[in-house]
Amino acid sequence: RVQLVESGGGSVQSGGSLRLSCVASGYAFRDFCMAWFRQSPGKQREAVAAIGSGGRKSYTDYVKGRFTISKDNDKKTLYLEMNNLKPEDSAMYYCQASANVVSFPVVEGAQCHGYERTYWGQGTQVTVSS
């Protein structure tokens, strides 16, 4: 059974930093494509960043240069380093794991493409005040 547990969220002032973590269990972490999404009240969940099994990364335009996605396969942990945070970054942040390749896997547009299954964590809240 795949489990994803996020942590590291909190409240910071504009310009501050946070590092989110997502600890995975129940599967071969190094073989999965991983991503971070976020959702604000009243808005659709949106992709933030993704990292493929081979380490290829993709970011959405509004976080490029501020956020960094990384992973530690030995620790089965996904990270999101967030710097120069802005009030519009406030949201619930979710970790996603993609598994079972069904077509040519691609990391593009801050998402993992070409996989059959996705798994989600419960989310961690980030609040940025001006």
Protein backbone atom coordinates (compact mmCIF):
# COMPACT_ATOMS: atom_id res chain seq x y z
CA ARG A 1 0.00 0.00 0.00
CA VAL A 2 1.41 3.35 -1.06
CA GLN A 3 1.51 6.01 1.63
CA LEU A 4 2.66 9.60 1.32
CA VAL A 5 3.02 11.86 4.34
CA GLU A 6 3.78 15.55 3.91
CA SER A 7 5.24 17.87 6.52
CA GLY A 8 7.06 21.18 6.82
CA GLY A 9 4.22 23.58 6.18
CA GLY A 10 3.62 26.59 8.36
CA SER A 11 3.12 30.34 8.52
CA VAL A 12 5.79 32.73 7.29
CA GLN A 13 6.05 36.32 6.22
CA SER A 14 6.44 37.39 2.62
CA GLY A 15 10.01 36.77 1.50
CA GLY A 16 10.47 33.89 3.91
CA SER A 17 11.36 30.27 3.22
CA LEU A 18 10.01 26.82 3.98
CA ARG A 19 11.05 23.30 3.09
CA LEU A 20 8.34 20.73 2.57
CA SER A 21 8.98 17.01 2.89
CA CYS A 22 7.02 14.02 1.68
CA VAL A 23 7.97 10.65 3.14
CA ALA A 24 6.89 7.68 1.05
CA SER A 25 6.35 4.06 1.99
CA GLY A 26 4.94 0.91 0.48
CA TYR A 27 6.59 1.06 -2.94
CA ALA A 28 9.85 1.37 -4.84
CA PHE A 29 10.24 5.12 -4.44
CA ARG A 30 13.12 5.44 -6.88
CA ASP A 31 10.99 4.07 -9.74
CA PHE A 32 8.17 6.56 -9.35
CA CYS A 33 7.70 10.03 -10.80
CA MET A 34 6.99 12.52 -8.01
CA ALA A 35 5.33 15.93 -7.97
CA TRP A 36 4.05 18.72 -5.78
CA PHE A 37 0.64 20.29 -6.28
CA ARG A 38 -1.16 23.00 -4.35
CA GLN A 39 -4.72 24.11 -3.85
CA SER A 40 -6.17 27.31 -2.43
CA PRO A 41 -9.76 27.64 -1.22
CA GLY A 42 -12.11 28.03 -4.17
CA LYS A 43 -9.43 27.19 -6.72
CA GLN A 44 -8.49 24.08 -8.64
CA ARG A 45 -5.50 22.03 -7.61
CA GLU A 46 -2.51 23.16 -9.66
CA ALA A 47 0.85 21.64 -10.43
CA VAL A 48 3.92 23.22 -8.88
CA ALA A 49 6.92 21.01 -9.67
CA ALA A 50 7.76 17.48 -10.72
CA ILE A 51 10.80 15.22 -10.74
CA GLY A 52 11.13 12.05 -12.75
CA SER A 53 12.67 8.77 -11.68
CA GLY A 54 15.83 9.77 -13.53
CA GLY A 55 15.97 13.18 -11.90
CA ARG A 56 14.56 15.37 -14.66
CA LYS A 57 12.75 18.37 -13.15
CA SER A 58 9.98 20.64 -14.33
CA TYR A 59 8.49 23.75 -12.70
CA THR A 60 5.50 25.90 -13.30
CA ASP A 61 6.44 29.41 -14.40
CA TYR A 62 5.32 31.21 -11.25
CA VAL A 63 7.72 29.27 -9.01
CA LYS A 64 10.76 29.06 -11.28
CA GLY A 65 13.80 30.51 -9.60
CA ARG A 66 12.14 30.42 -6.18
CA PHE A 67 11.26 26.75 -5.58
CA THR A 68 13.48 23.69 -5.90
CA ILE A 69 12.22 20.11 -6.04
CA SER A 70 14.53 17.29 -5.04
CA LYS A 71 14.42 13.75 -3.71
CA ASP A 72 16.47 11.35 -1.66
CA ASN A 73 15.87 7.81 -2.90
CA ASP A 74 17.58 6.23 0.10
CA LYS A 75 15.35 8.13 2.52
CA LYS A 76 12.30 7.74 0.24
CA THR A 77 11.66 11.42 0.67
CA LEU A 78 10.59 14.16 -1.72
CA TYR A 79 11.39 17.78 -0.92
CA LEU A 80 10.24 21.21 -2.01
CA GLU A 81 12.51 24.08 -1.01
CA MET A 82 10.51 27.30 -1.22
CA ASN A 83 12.27 30.66 -1.09
CA ASN A 84 11.09 34.25 -1.47
CA LEU A 85 7.57 33.17 -0.64
CA LYS A 86 4.68 35.40 -1.63
CA PRO A 87 1.15 35.65 -0.22
CA GLU A 88 -0.17 34.07 -3.42
CA ASP A 89 1.85 30.94 -2.58
CA SER A 90 -0.49 30.29 0.35
CA ALA A 91 -2.22 26.96 -0.20
CA MET A 92 -2.45 23.36 0.86
CA TYR A 93 0.50 21.57 -0.70
CA TYR A 94 0.13 17.95 -1.79
CA CYS A 95 2.66 15.31 -2.69
CA GLN A 96 1.84 13.04 -5.65
CA ALA A 97 3.42 9.77 -6.75
CA SER A 98 2.89 8.41 -10.28
CA ALA A 99 3.35 4.73 -11.05
CA ASN A 100 2.91 2.09 -13.77
CA VAL A 101 4.18 3.48 -17.04
CA VAL A 102 1.61 3.07 -19.84
CA SER A 103 3.23 5.29 -22.46
CA PHE A 104 6.49 7.19 -22.91
CA PRO A 105 7.02 8.82 -19.50
CA VAL A 106 7.60 12.55 -19.61
CA VAL A 107 8.12 15.20 -16.95
CA GLU A 108 6.65 18.36 -18.41
CA GLY A 109 4.58 21.28 -17.28
CA ALA A 110 5.40 20.50 -13.65
CA GLN A 111 3.64 17.14 -13.98
CA CYS A 112 4.37 13.47 -14.60
CA HIS A 113 2.85 12.14 -17.83
CA GLY A 114 2.49 8.60 -19.13
CA TYR A 115 1.62 6.84 -15.90
CA GLU A 116 -1.43 4.79 -15.04
CA ARG A 117 -1.77 5.39 -11.32
CA THR A 118 -1.38 8.33 -9.02
CA TYR A 119 -1.27 8.49 -5.26
CA TRP A 120 -1.72 11.50 -2.99
CA GLY A 121 -0.71 12.57 0.47
CA GLN A 122 -2.99 14.37 2.88
CA GLY A 123 -1.38 17.78 2.37
CA THR A 124 0.46 20.35 4.44
CA GLN A 125 -0.69 23.96 4.80
CA VAL A 126 1.49 26.90 3.79
CA THR A 127 0.41 30.40 4.75
CA VAL A 128 2.35 33.47 3.68
CA SER A 129 1.45 36.84 5.16
CA SER A 130 2.27 40.18 3.61
